[in-house]
């Protein structure tokens, strides 16, 4: 059964619109047309930490977060004191909170921006964050 990363700190059910390579949770994105294209599914979502606990994983070398507009919400569900994520790439272009909010939050939880990856046609709009202790 399909599942997704929850934009909340607890399991939740969302409406997810399938849309080729830009499927997204309905109501969370700001850069997508609100066209009726793409099948809409009800999907169960779990916080990232729930998946990690189920897998008995507390250390992650690299985590790529590209969830088409819910990145900041997903990041805020992570209990940073219980998991050691060394490096992350986080897409910022579709998140309604904006890239500055993501960058400031990650700074507060102990990460710095190593680089920003951009592509002229939106194929890449990511921050690469590295844990401060990795410097």
C-alpha atoms as a PDB file:
ATOM      1  CA  UNK A   1       0.000   0.000   0.000  1.00  0.00           C
ATOM      2  CA  UNK A   2       1.324   3.483  -0.776  1.00  0.00           C
ATOM      3  CA  UNK A   3       2.604   5.623   2.074  1.00  0.00           C
ATOM      4  CA  UNK A   4       4.373   8.950   2.380  1.00  0.00           C
ATOM      5  CA  UNK A   5       6.422  11.068   4.770  1.00  0.00           C
ATOM      6  CA  UNK A   6       4.049  12.838   7.121  1.00  0.00           C
ATOM      7  CA  UNK A   7       4.067  16.627   7.273  1.00  0.00           C
ATOM      8  CA  UNK A   8       3.004  16.198  10.928  1.00  0.00           C
ATOM      9  CA  UNK A   9       4.742  14.589  13.938  1.00  0.00           C
ATOM     10  CA  UNK A  10       2.123  11.823  14.016  1.00  0.00           C
ATOM     11  CA  UNK A  11       0.643   9.450  11.420  1.00  0.00           C
ATOM     12  CA  UNK A  12      -1.957  11.089   9.219  1.00  0.00           C
ATOM     13  CA  UNK A  13      -3.962  10.454   6.087  1.00  0.00           C
ATOM     14  CA  UNK A  14      -3.709  12.929   3.200  1.00  0.00           C
ATOM     15  CA  UNK A  15      -5.035  13.393  -0.297  1.00  0.00           C
ATOM     16  CA  UNK A  16      -2.199  12.924  -2.769  1.00  0.00           C
ATOM     17  CA  UNK A  17      -2.423  13.972  -6.404  1.00  0.00           C
ATOM     18  CA  UNK A  18      -0.415  11.844  -8.798  1.00  0.00           C
ATOM     19  CA  UNK A  19       1.082  14.108 -11.439  1.00  0.00           C
ATOM     20  CA  UNK A  20       3.927  12.464 -13.356  1.00  0.00           C
ATOM     21  CA  UNK A  21       7.140  13.464 -11.552  1.00  0.00           C
ATOM     22  CA  UNK A  22       5.439  16.198  -9.509  1.00  0.00           C
ATOM     23  CA  UNK A  23       2.926  14.309  -7.407  1.00  0.00           C
ATOM     24  CA  UNK A  24       2.142  16.151  -4.195  1.00  0.00           C
ATOM     25  CA  UNK A  25      -0.016  16.369  -1.099  1.00  0.00           C
ATOM     26  CA  UNK A  26      -3.005  18.517  -2.000  1.00  0.00           C
ATOM     27  CA  UNK A  27      -3.123  21.916  -0.338  1.00  0.00           C
ATOM     28  CA  UNK A  28       0.596  22.134   0.550  1.00  0.00           C
ATOM     29  CA  UNK A  29       2.249  23.386  -2.623  1.00  0.00           C
ATOM     30  CA  UNK A  30       2.419  26.880  -4.041  1.00  0.00           C
ATOM     31  CA  UNK A  31       3.924  26.421  -7.513  1.00  0.00           C
ATOM     32  CA  UNK A  32       1.590  23.899  -9.089  1.00  0.00           C
ATOM     33  CA  UNK A  33      -1.469  24.652 -11.164  1.00  0.00           C
ATOM     34  CA  UNK A  34      -4.661  23.535  -9.463  1.00  0.00           C
ATOM     35  CA  UNK A  35      -5.736  21.621 -12.537  1.00  0.00           C
ATOM     36  CA  UNK A  36      -7.748  18.469 -12.212  1.00  0.00           C
ATOM     37  CA  UNK A  37      -5.050  16.392 -13.910  1.00  0.00           C
ATOM     38  CA  UNK A  38      -3.757  13.326 -12.127  1.00  0.00           C
ATOM     39  CA  UNK A  39      -5.478  10.711 -10.019  1.00  0.00           C
ATOM     40  CA  UNK A  40      -6.149  11.643  -6.395  1.00  0.00           C
ATOM     41  CA  UNK A  41      -5.431   8.992  -3.770  1.00  0.00           C
ATOM     42  CA  UNK A  42      -5.949   8.811  -0.033  1.00  0.00           C
ATOM     43  CA  UNK A  43      -2.520   7.966   1.392  1.00  0.00           C
ATOM     44  CA  UNK A  44      -1.365   7.059   4.904  1.00  0.00           C
ATOM     45  CA  UNK A  45       1.691   9.091   5.953  1.00  0.00           C
ATOM     46  CA  UNK A  46       4.144   8.431   8.762  1.00  0.00           C
ATOM     47  CA  UNK A  47       6.846  10.675  10.250  1.00  0.00           C
ATOM     48  CA  UNK A  48      10.358   9.955   8.996  1.00  0.00           C
ATOM     49  CA  UNK A  49      11.387   8.925  12.502  1.00  0.00           C
ATOM     50  CA  UNK A  50       8.712   6.191  12.520  1.00  0.00           C
ATOM     51  CA  UNK A  51      10.289   4.650   9.427  1.00  0.00           C
ATOM     52  CA  UNK A  52      13.768   4.910  10.970  1.00  0.00           C
ATOM     53  CA  UNK A  53      12.636   3.267  14.231  1.00  0.00           C
ATOM     54  CA  UNK A  54      10.951   0.459  12.282  1.00  0.00           C
ATOM     55  CA  UNK A  55      14.242  -0.114  10.433  1.00  0.00           C
ATOM     56  CA  UNK A  56      16.304   0.196  13.650  1.00  0.00           C
ATOM     57  CA  UNK A  57      18.317   3.045  12.108  1.00  0.00           C
ATOM     58  CA  UNK A  58      19.586   6.016  14.122  1.00  0.00           C
ATOM     59  CA  UNK A  59      22.448   7.141  11.866  1.00  0.00           C
ATOM     60  CA  UNK A  60      21.875   8.321   8.303  1.00  0.00           C
ATOM     61  CA  UNK A  61      24.846   9.360   6.183  1.00  0.00           C
ATOM     62  CA  UNK A  62      22.795  11.054   3.454  1.00  0.00           C
ATOM     63  CA  UNK A  63      19.094  11.898   3.273  1.00  0.00           C
ATOM     64  CA  UNK A  64      17.477  13.412   0.171  1.00  0.00           C
ATOM     65  CA  UNK A  65      14.197  15.217   0.872  1.00  0.00           C
ATOM     66  CA  UNK A  66      12.170  16.138  -2.203  1.00  0.00           C
ATOM     67  CA  UNK A  67       8.453  15.952  -1.421  1.00  0.00           C
ATOM     68  CA  UNK A  68       7.111  18.735  -3.637  1.00  0.00           C
ATOM     69  CA  UNK A  69       6.142  21.359  -1.094  1.00  0.00           C
ATOM     70  CA  UNK A  70       6.113  19.650   2.309  1.00  0.00           C
ATOM     71  CA  UNK A  71       9.865  19.721   2.980  1.00  0.00           C
ATOM     72  CA  UNK A  72       9.817  22.195   5.866  1.00  0.00           C
ATOM     73  CA  UNK A  73       6.922  20.412   7.558  1.00  0.00           C
ATOM     74  CA  UNK A  74       8.703  17.054   7.247  1.00  0.00           C
ATOM     75  CA  UNK A  75      11.940  18.515   8.645  1.00  0.00           C
ATOM     76  CA  UNK A  76      10.075  19.844  11.691  1.00  0.00           C
ATOM     77  CA  UNK A  77       8.900  16.305  12.557  1.00  0.00           C
ATOM     78  CA  UNK A  78      12.448  15.001  13.014  1.00  0.00           C
ATOM     79  CA  UNK A  79      13.605  14.581  16.636  1.00  0.00           C
ATOM     80  CA  UNK A  80      17.146  15.782  15.958  1.00  0.00           C
ATOM     81  CA  UNK A  81      18.362  14.606  19.373  1.00  0.00           C
ATOM     82  CA  UNK A  82      17.394  10.992  18.542  1.00  0.00           C
ATOM     83  CA  UNK A  83      18.759  10.628  15.030  1.00  0.00           C
ATOM     84  CA  UNK A  84      22.135  11.498  13.518  1.00  0.00           C
ATOM     85  CA  UNK A  85      21.686  12.672   9.925  1.00  0.00           C
ATOM     86  CA  UNK A  86      25.071  13.775   8.630  1.00  0.00           C
ATOM     87  CA  UNK A  87      24.170  15.316   5.250  1.00  0.00           C
ATOM     88  CA  UNK A  88      20.852  16.272   3.650  1.00  0.00           C
ATOM     89  CA  UNK A  89      19.719  17.630   0.341  1.00  0.00           C
ATOM     90  CA  UNK A  90      16.435  19.495   0.703  1.00  0.00           C
ATOM     91  CA  UNK A  91      14.378  20.848  -2.172  1.00  0.00           C
ATOM     92  CA  UNK A  92      13.118  24.356  -1.409  1.00  0.00           C
ATOM     93  CA  UNK A  93      11.358  25.666  -4.506  1.00  0.00           C
ATOM     94  CA  UNK A  94       7.808  24.412  -3.840  1.00  0.00           C
ATOM     95  CA  UNK A  95       7.606  24.861  -0.077  1.00  0.00           C
ATOM     96  CA  UNK A  96       5.124  27.585   0.922  1.00  0.00           C
ATOM     97  CA  UNK A  97       7.321  28.541   3.916  1.00  0.00           C
ATOM     98  CA  UNK A  98      10.096  29.575   1.529  1.00  0.00           C
ATOM     99  CA  UNK A  99      13.780  28.803   1.281  1.00  0.00           C
ATOM    100  CA  UNK A 100      14.854  31.274   3.978  1.00  0.00           C
ATOM    101  CA  UNK A 101      12.652  29.558   6.573  1.00  0.00           C
ATOM    102  CA  UNK A 102      14.166  26.171   5.729  1.00  0.00           C
ATOM    103  CA  UNK A 103      17.702  27.549   5.879  1.00  0.00           C
ATOM    104  CA  UNK A 104      17.132  29.282   9.235  1.00  0.00           C
ATOM    105  CA  UNK A 105      15.495  26.215  10.758  1.00  0.00           C
ATOM    106  CA  UNK A 106      18.345  23.944   9.711  1.00  0.00           C
ATOM    107  CA  UNK A 107      20.836  26.405  11.168  1.00  0.00           C
ATOM    108  CA  UNK A 108      18.940  26.293  14.483  1.00  0.00           C
ATOM    109  CA  UNK A 109      19.084  22.483  14.586  1.00  0.00           C
ATOM    110  CA  UNK A 110      22.829  22.377  13.923  1.00  0.00           C
ATOM    111  CA  UNK A 111      23.439  22.380  10.161  1.00  0.00           C
ATOM    112  CA  UNK A 112      25.119  24.734   7.712  1.00  0.00           C
ATOM    113  CA  UNK A 113      24.487  25.216   4.005  1.00  0.00           C
ATOM    114  CA  UNK A 114      27.330  23.533   2.174  1.00  0.00           C
ATOM    115  CA  UNK A 115      25.951  24.514  -1.218  1.00  0.00           C
ATOM    116  CA  UNK A 116      22.875  25.419  -3.194  1.00  0.00           C
ATOM    117  CA  UNK A 117      22.093  23.389  -6.302  1.00  0.00           C
ATOM    118  CA  UNK A 118      20.034  25.191  -8.954  1.00  0.00           C
ATOM    119  CA  UNK A 119      18.991  24.481 -12.505  1.00  0.00           C
ATOM    120  CA  UNK A 120      17.428  27.031 -14.841  1.00  0.00           C
ATOM    121  CA  UNK A 121      14.307  24.956 -15.545  1.00  0.00           C
ATOM    122  CA  UNK A 122      13.588  23.862 -11.942  1.00  0.00           C
ATOM    123  CA  UNK A 123      15.093  20.399 -12.318  1.00  0.00           C
ATOM    124  CA  UNK A 124      17.106  21.130  -9.180  1.00  0.00           C
ATOM    125  CA  UNK A 125      16.526  23.672  -6.434  1.00  0.00           C
ATOM    126  CA  UNK A 126      18.123  22.134  -3.373  1.00  0.00           C
ATOM    127  CA  UNK A 127      20.172  23.072  -0.357  1.00  0.00           C
ATOM    128  CA  UNK A 128      22.912  20.678   0.671  1.00  0.00           C
ATOM    129  CA  UNK A 129      23.082  20.790   4.471  1.00  0.00           C
ATOM    130  CA  UNK A 130      25.935  19.322   6.493  1.00  0.00           C
ATOM    131  CA  UNK A 131      25.881  18.772  10.238  1.00  0.00           C
ATOM    132  CA  UNK A 132      28.081  21.318  12.023  1.00  0.00           C
ATOM    133  CA  UNK A 133      30.038  18.537  13.756  1.00  0.00           C
ATOM    134  CA  UNK A 134      31.145  17.235  10.324  1.00  0.00           C
ATOM    135  CA  UNK A 135      33.272  20.339   9.594  1.00  0.00           C
END
